């Protein structure tokens, strides 16, 4: 919902006949049953069927979110829950259709569905993203700093993963890239 939408000033009654699970993409204030909370991308918001609420603007982009309305869901008593990293990734991948209708375990579902859809584990996928980013940044900083920035426990762990993926150590690839850049000058 854009920041200039009239619904910011009204009671919202759009939940419908099924509970909703909402993954906020921006911070948004919510008033539900007189209780004020701020939901952020670190949260998951749970609504009961037909629940009414008010929104309060917290981000100039408005209320950007992904929601699902499963046919069966026991909505928790607390309005907010913690969005674990895998649930956050699922939301960012923007594939709500992969959620089963009665999903109650996003972590287990994400892991299973991700492997079914891609043929590889989520961990493999994340390592590949980090290592591809490393290739683009090899000439920018020390390998120790690069390993830390990309979330590796140590430079040796980073080097081992890099070598296993690309068949060459990051220092060797950096040297090769620098040699090729020098030859082209």
C-alpha atoms as a PDB file:
ATOM      1  CA  UNK A   1       0.000   0.000   0.000  1.00  0.00           C
ATOM      2  CA  UNK A   2       1.575   3.305  -1.055  1.00  0.00           C
ATOM      3  CA  UNK A   3       2.303   5.965   1.556  1.00  0.00           C
ATOM      4  CA  UNK A   4      -0.430   8.245   0.173  1.00  0.00           C
ATOM      5  CA  UNK A   5      -3.229   5.625   0.237  1.00  0.00           C
ATOM      6  CA  UNK A   6      -6.413   6.579   2.122  1.00  0.00           C
ATOM      7  CA  UNK A   7      -6.374   3.236   3.976  1.00  0.00           C
ATOM      8  CA  UNK A   8      -3.654   4.627   6.276  1.00  0.00           C
ATOM      9  CA  UNK A   9      -6.453   6.625   7.925  1.00  0.00           C
ATOM     10  CA  UNK A  10      -9.132   3.923   8.077  1.00  0.00           C
ATOM     11  CA  UNK A  11      -9.850   0.695   9.904  1.00  0.00           C
ATOM     12  CA  UNK A  12      -8.815  -2.099   7.566  1.00  0.00           C
ATOM     13  CA  UNK A  13     -11.205  -5.037   7.325  1.00  0.00           C
ATOM     14  CA  UNK A  14      -9.686  -6.872   4.362  1.00  0.00           C
ATOM     15  CA  UNK A  15      -8.450 -10.076   6.044  1.00  0.00           C
ATOM     16  CA  UNK A  16     -11.411 -12.137   4.846  1.00  0.00           C
ATOM     17  CA  UNK A  17     -12.550 -15.598   5.886  1.00  0.00           C
ATOM     18  CA  UNK A  18      -9.075 -17.147   6.215  1.00  0.00           C
ATOM     19  CA  UNK A  19      -6.220 -16.304   8.538  1.00  0.00           C
ATOM     20  CA  UNK A  20      -3.338 -14.375   6.991  1.00  0.00           C
ATOM     21  CA  UNK A  21       0.409 -14.672   7.435  1.00  0.00           C
ATOM     22  CA  UNK A  22       2.219 -11.507   6.371  1.00  0.00           C
ATOM     23  CA  UNK A  23       5.912 -10.998   5.618  1.00  0.00           C
ATOM     24  CA  UNK A  24       6.631  -7.248   5.873  1.00  0.00           C
ATOM     25  CA  UNK A  25       9.068  -5.825   3.348  1.00  0.00           C
ATOM     26  CA  UNK A  26       9.068  -2.430   5.072  1.00  0.00           C
ATOM     27  CA  UNK A  27       8.436  -1.316   8.641  1.00  0.00           C
ATOM     28  CA  UNK A  28       4.774  -0.602   9.358  1.00  0.00           C
ATOM     29  CA  UNK A  29       2.918   0.334  12.517  1.00  0.00           C
ATOM     30  CA  UNK A  30      -0.114  -1.778  13.358  1.00  0.00           C
ATOM     31  CA  UNK A  31      -2.900  -1.213  15.864  1.00  0.00           C
ATOM     32  CA  UNK A  32      -4.809  -4.400  16.604  1.00  0.00           C
ATOM     33  CA  UNK A  33      -7.325  -4.675  19.419  1.00  0.00           C
ATOM     34  CA  UNK A  34      -5.873  -1.487  20.901  1.00  0.00           C
ATOM     35  CA  UNK A  35      -2.296  -2.834  20.937  1.00  0.00           C
ATOM     36  CA  UNK A  36       0.349  -0.933  18.957  1.00  0.00           C
ATOM     37  CA  UNK A  37       3.235  -2.838  17.401  1.00  0.00           C
ATOM     38  CA  UNK A  38       5.772  -2.103  14.684  1.00  0.00           C
ATOM     39  CA  UNK A  39       6.309  -4.928  12.222  1.00  0.00           C
ATOM     40  CA  UNK A  40       9.610  -5.056  10.319  1.00  0.00           C
ATOM     41  CA  UNK A  41      11.174  -7.439   7.781  1.00  0.00           C
ATOM     42  CA  UNK A  42      12.462  -9.372  10.821  1.00  0.00           C
ATOM     43  CA  UNK A  43       8.888 -10.289  11.728  1.00  0.00           C
ATOM     44  CA  UNK A  44       5.999 -12.397  10.533  1.00  0.00           C
ATOM     45  CA  UNK A  45       2.550 -10.949  11.269  1.00  0.00           C
ATOM     46  CA  UNK A  46      -0.377 -13.265  12.034  1.00  0.00           C
ATOM     47  CA  UNK A  47      -4.007 -12.257  11.528  1.00  0.00           C
ATOM     48  CA  UNK A  48      -7.147 -14.179  12.461  1.00  0.00           C
ATOM     49  CA  UNK A  49      -9.972 -14.448   9.930  1.00  0.00           C
ATOM     50  CA  UNK A  50     -12.018 -11.216   9.700  1.00  0.00           C
ATOM     51  CA  UNK A  51      -9.657  -9.367  12.043  1.00  0.00           C
ATOM     52  CA  UNK A  52      -9.655  -5.582  11.726  1.00  0.00           C
ATOM     53  CA  UNK A  53      -6.592  -3.381  12.165  1.00  0.00           C
ATOM     54  CA  UNK A  54      -5.144   0.049  11.504  1.00  0.00           C
ATOM     55  CA  UNK A  55      -1.817   0.825   9.850  1.00  0.00           C
ATOM     56  CA  UNK A  56       0.598   3.588  10.766  1.00  0.00           C
ATOM     57  CA  UNK A  57       3.181   4.828   8.280  1.00  0.00           C
ATOM     58  CA  UNK A  58       6.770   4.038   9.337  1.00  0.00           C
ATOM     59  CA  UNK A  59       8.507   3.963   5.941  1.00  0.00           C
ATOM     60  CA  UNK A  60       8.220   6.399   3.037  1.00  0.00           C
ATOM     61  CA  UNK A  61       7.711   3.421   0.690  1.00  0.00           C
ATOM     62  CA  UNK A  62       4.471   2.565   2.478  1.00  0.00           C
ATOM     63  CA  UNK A  63       3.410  -0.966   3.419  1.00  0.00           C
ATOM     64  CA  UNK A  64       5.225  -3.386   1.141  1.00  0.00           C
ATOM     65  CA  UNK A  65       4.573  -6.993   2.055  1.00  0.00           C
ATOM     66  CA  UNK A  66       3.824 -10.504   0.921  1.00  0.00           C
ATOM     67  CA  UNK A  67       0.875 -12.304   2.455  1.00  0.00           C
ATOM     68  CA  UNK A  68      -0.543 -15.771   2.270  1.00  0.00           C
ATOM     69  CA  UNK A  69      -3.978 -16.919   3.347  1.00  0.00           C
ATOM     70  CA  UNK A  70      -3.761 -20.678   4.021  1.00  0.00           C
ATOM     71  CA  UNK A  71      -6.993 -22.631   4.256  1.00  0.00           C
ATOM     72  CA  UNK A  72      -5.978 -24.106   7.614  1.00  0.00           C
ATOM     73  CA  UNK A  73      -3.777 -22.361  10.129  1.00  0.00           C
ATOM     74  CA  UNK A  74      -3.759 -22.097  13.893  1.00  0.00           C
ATOM     75  CA  UNK A  75      -3.007 -18.418  14.380  1.00  0.00           C
ATOM     76  CA  UNK A  76      -0.762 -17.768  17.329  1.00  0.00           C
ATOM     77  CA  UNK A  77      -1.880 -15.557  20.173  1.00  0.00           C
ATOM     78  CA  UNK A  78       0.945 -13.039  19.667  1.00  0.00           C
ATOM     79  CA  UNK A  79       0.471 -10.772  16.657  1.00  0.00           C
ATOM     80  CA  UNK A  80       4.140 -11.020  15.637  1.00  0.00           C
ATOM     81  CA  UNK A  81       6.593 -13.858  15.303  1.00  0.00           C
ATOM     82  CA  UNK A  82      10.260 -13.884  14.378  1.00  0.00           C
ATOM     83  CA  UNK A  83      11.002 -14.397  10.683  1.00  0.00           C
ATOM     84  CA  UNK A  84      13.870 -16.863  10.525  1.00  0.00           C
ATOM     85  CA  UNK A  85      16.386 -16.417   7.722  1.00  0.00           C
ATOM     86  CA  UNK A  86      14.908 -19.116   5.516  1.00  0.00           C
ATOM     87  CA  UNK A  87      11.389 -17.715   5.774  1.00  0.00           C
ATOM     88  CA  UNK A  88      12.794 -14.287   4.933  1.00  0.00           C
ATOM     89  CA  UNK A  89      14.506 -15.736   1.864  1.00  0.00           C
ATOM     90  CA  UNK A  90      11.301 -17.433   0.759  1.00  0.00           C
ATOM     91  CA  UNK A  91       9.501 -14.106   0.948  1.00  0.00           C
ATOM     92  CA  UNK A  92      12.241 -12.398  -1.024  1.00  0.00           C
ATOM     93  CA  UNK A  93      12.124 -15.070  -3.706  1.00  0.00           C
ATOM     94  CA  UNK A  94       8.494 -13.994  -4.140  1.00  0.00           C
ATOM     95  CA  UNK A  95       7.063 -17.451  -4.677  1.00  0.00           C
ATOM     96  CA  UNK A  96       3.977 -17.605  -2.460  1.00  0.00           C
ATOM     97  CA  UNK A  97       2.480 -20.331  -4.636  1.00  0.00           C
ATOM     98  CA  UNK A  98       4.983 -22.894  -3.337  1.00  0.00           C
ATOM     99  CA  UNK A  99       3.470 -22.799   0.149  1.00  0.00           C
ATOM    100  CA  UNK A 100       1.171 -25.746   0.837  1.00  0.00           C
ATOM    101  CA  UNK A 101      -2.344 -24.707   1.814  1.00  0.00           C
ATOM    102  CA  UNK A 102      -1.930 -25.915   5.398  1.00  0.00           C
ATOM    103  CA  UNK A 103       1.710 -24.984   5.915  1.00  0.00           C
ATOM    104  CA  UNK A 104       2.651 -24.561   9.561  1.00  0.00           C
ATOM    105  CA  UNK A 105       6.437 -25.021   9.300  1.00  0.00           C
ATOM    106  CA  UNK A 106       8.015 -22.505   6.900  1.00  0.00           C
ATOM    107  CA  UNK A 107      11.566 -23.691   7.620  1.00  0.00           C
ATOM    108  CA  UNK A 108      10.893 -27.341   6.761  1.00  0.00           C
ATOM    109  CA  UNK A 109       8.722 -26.423   3.798  1.00  0.00           C
ATOM    110  CA  UNK A 110      11.238 -23.970   2.371  1.00  0.00           C
ATOM    111  CA  UNK A 111      14.097 -26.475   2.570  1.00  0.00           C
ATOM    112  CA  UNK A 112      12.108 -29.263   0.920  1.00  0.00           C
ATOM    113  CA  UNK A 113      10.446 -27.149  -1.752  1.00  0.00           C
ATOM    114  CA  UNK A 114      13.634 -25.281  -2.595  1.00  0.00           C
ATOM    115  CA  UNK A 115      15.442 -28.567  -3.259  1.00  0.00           C
ATOM    116  CA  UNK A 116      12.491 -29.912  -5.293  1.00  0.00           C
ATOM    117  CA  UNK A 117      12.350 -26.788  -7.442  1.00  0.00           C
ATOM    118  CA  UNK A 118      16.079 -26.171  -7.937  1.00  0.00           C
ATOM    119  CA  UNK A 119      17.697 -29.593  -7.540  1.00  0.00           C
ATOM    120  CA  UNK A 120      20.099 -28.277  -4.908  1.00  0.00           C
ATOM    121  CA  UNK A 121      20.027 -27.341  -1.264  1.00  0.00           C
ATOM    122  CA  UNK A 122      19.481 -23.835  -0.004  1.00  0.00           C
ATOM    123  CA  UNK A 123      22.940 -23.935   1.592  1.00  0.00           C
ATOM    124  CA  UNK A 124      24.526 -24.762  -1.762  1.00  0.00           C
ATOM    125  CA  UNK A 125      22.589 -21.947  -3.376  1.00  0.00           C
ATOM    126  CA  UNK A 126      23.696 -19.400  -0.762  1.00  0.00           C
ATOM    127  CA  UNK A 127      27.330 -20.499  -1.005  1.00  0.00           C
ATOM    128  CA  UNK A 128      27.150 -20.104  -4.781  1.00  0.00           C
ATOM    129  CA  UNK A 129      25.772 -16.566  -4.432  1.00  0.00           C
ATOM    130  CA  UNK A 130      28.496 -15.607  -1.975  1.00  0.00           C
ATOM    131  CA  UNK A 131      31.273 -17.128  -4.075  1.00  0.00           C
ATOM    132  CA  UNK A 132      30.063 -15.459  -7.263  1.00  0.00           C
ATOM    133  CA  UNK A 133      30.034 -12.150  -5.411  1.00  0.00           C
ATOM    134  CA  UNK A 134      33.604 -12.931  -4.328  1.00  0.00           C
ATOM    135  CA  UNK A 135      34.732 -13.263  -7.943  1.00  0.00           C
ATOM    136  CA  UNK A 136      33.371  -9.791  -8.695  1.00  0.00           C
ATOM    137  CA  UNK A 137      35.172  -8.315  -5.666  1.00  0.00           C
ATOM    138  CA  UNK A 138      38.527 -10.131  -5.834  1.00  0.00           C
ATOM    139  CA  UNK A 139      40.504  -7.046  -6.782  1.00  0.00           C
ATOM    140  CA  UNK A 140      38.821  -4.688  -4.316  1.00  0.00           C
ATOM    141  CA  UNK A 141      40.138  -5.820  -0.925  1.00  0.00           C
ATOM    142  CA  UNK A 142      42.211  -8.377   0.946  1.00  0.00           C
ATOM    143  CA  UNK A 143      41.051 -11.980   0.855  1.00  0.00           C
ATOM    144  CA  UNK A 144      40.704 -11.950   4.662  1.00  0.00           C
ATOM    145  CA  UNK A 145      38.380  -8.939   4.511  1.00  0.00           C
ATOM    146  CA  UNK A 146      36.442 -10.389   1.591  1.00  0.00           C
ATOM    147  CA  UNK A 147      35.964 -13.698   3.435  1.00  0.00           C
ATOM    148  CA  UNK A 148      34.672 -11.862   6.519  1.00  0.00           C
ATOM    149  CA  UNK A 149      32.363  -9.608   4.472  1.00  0.00           C
ATOM    150  CA  UNK A 150      30.840 -12.636   2.771  1.00  0.00           C
ATOM    151  CA  UNK A 151      30.209 -14.420   6.064  1.00  0.00           C
ATOM    152  CA  UNK A 152      32.917 -17.078   6.059  1.00  0.00           C
ATOM    153  CA  UNK A 153      34.273 -18.148   9.442  1.00  0.00           C
ATOM    154  CA  UNK A 154      37.883 -17.857   8.277  1.00  0.00           C
ATOM    155  CA  UNK A 155      39.933 -17.070   5.181  1.00  0.00           C
ATOM    156  CA  UNK A 156      40.867 -20.751   4.906  1.00  0.00           C
ATOM    157  CA  UNK A 157      37.197 -21.786   4.916  1.00  0.00           C
ATOM    158  CA  UNK A 158      36.536 -19.231   2.180  1.00  0.00           C
ATOM    159  CA  UNK A 159      39.548 -20.454   0.159  1.00  0.00           C
ATOM    160  CA  UNK A 160      38.496 -24.101   0.504  1.00  0.00           C
ATOM    161  CA  UNK A 161      34.927 -23.368  -0.666  1.00  0.00           C
ATOM    162  CA  UNK A 162      36.193 -21.173  -3.507  1.00  0.00           C
ATOM    163  CA  UNK A 163      38.669 -23.810  -4.712  1.00  0.00           C
ATOM    164  CA  UNK A 164      36.036 -26.564  -4.500  1.00  0.00           C
ATOM    165  CA  UNK A 165      33.620 -24.481  -6.585  1.00  0.00           C
ATOM    166  CA  UNK A 166      35.929 -22.907  -9.177  1.00  0.00           C
ATOM    167  CA  UNK A 167      38.876 -25.316  -9.181  1.00  0.00           C
ATOM    168  CA  UNK A 168      41.343 -22.556  -8.363  1.00  0.00           C
ATOM    169  CA  UNK A 169      42.244 -20.633  -5.198  1.00  0.00           C
ATOM    170  CA  UNK A 170      40.943 -17.042  -4.990  1.00  0.00           C
ATOM    171  CA  UNK A 171      44.505 -15.666  -4.849  1.00  0.00           C
ATOM    172  CA  UNK A 172      45.390 -17.523  -8.053  1.00  0.00           C
ATOM    173  CA  UNK A 173      42.284 -16.233  -9.823  1.00  0.00           C
ATOM    174  CA  UNK A 174      43.004 -12.687  -8.657  1.00  0.00           C
ATOM    175  CA  UNK A 175      46.562 -12.945 -10.006  1.00  0.00           C
ATOM    176  CA  UNK A 176      45.258 -14.280 -13.329  1.00  0.00           C
ATOM    177  CA  UNK A 177      42.693 -11.503 -13.593  1.00  0.00           C
ATOM    178  CA  UNK A 178      45.309  -8.858 -12.808  1.00  0.00           C
ATOM    179  CA  UNK A 179      47.696 -10.345 -15.407  1.00  0.00           C
ATOM    180  CA  UNK A 180      44.963 -10.317 -18.059  1.00  0.00           C
ATOM    181  CA  UNK A 181      44.032  -6.730 -17.193  1.00  0.00           C
ATOM    182  CA  UNK A 182      47.694  -5.715 -17.455  1.00  0.00           C
ATOM    183  CA  UNK A 183      48.098  -7.463 -20.803  1.00  0.00           C
ATOM    184  CA  UNK A 184      45.090  -5.626 -22.203  1.00  0.00           C
ATOM    185  CA  UNK A 185      46.528  -2.182 -21.393  1.00  0.00           C
END
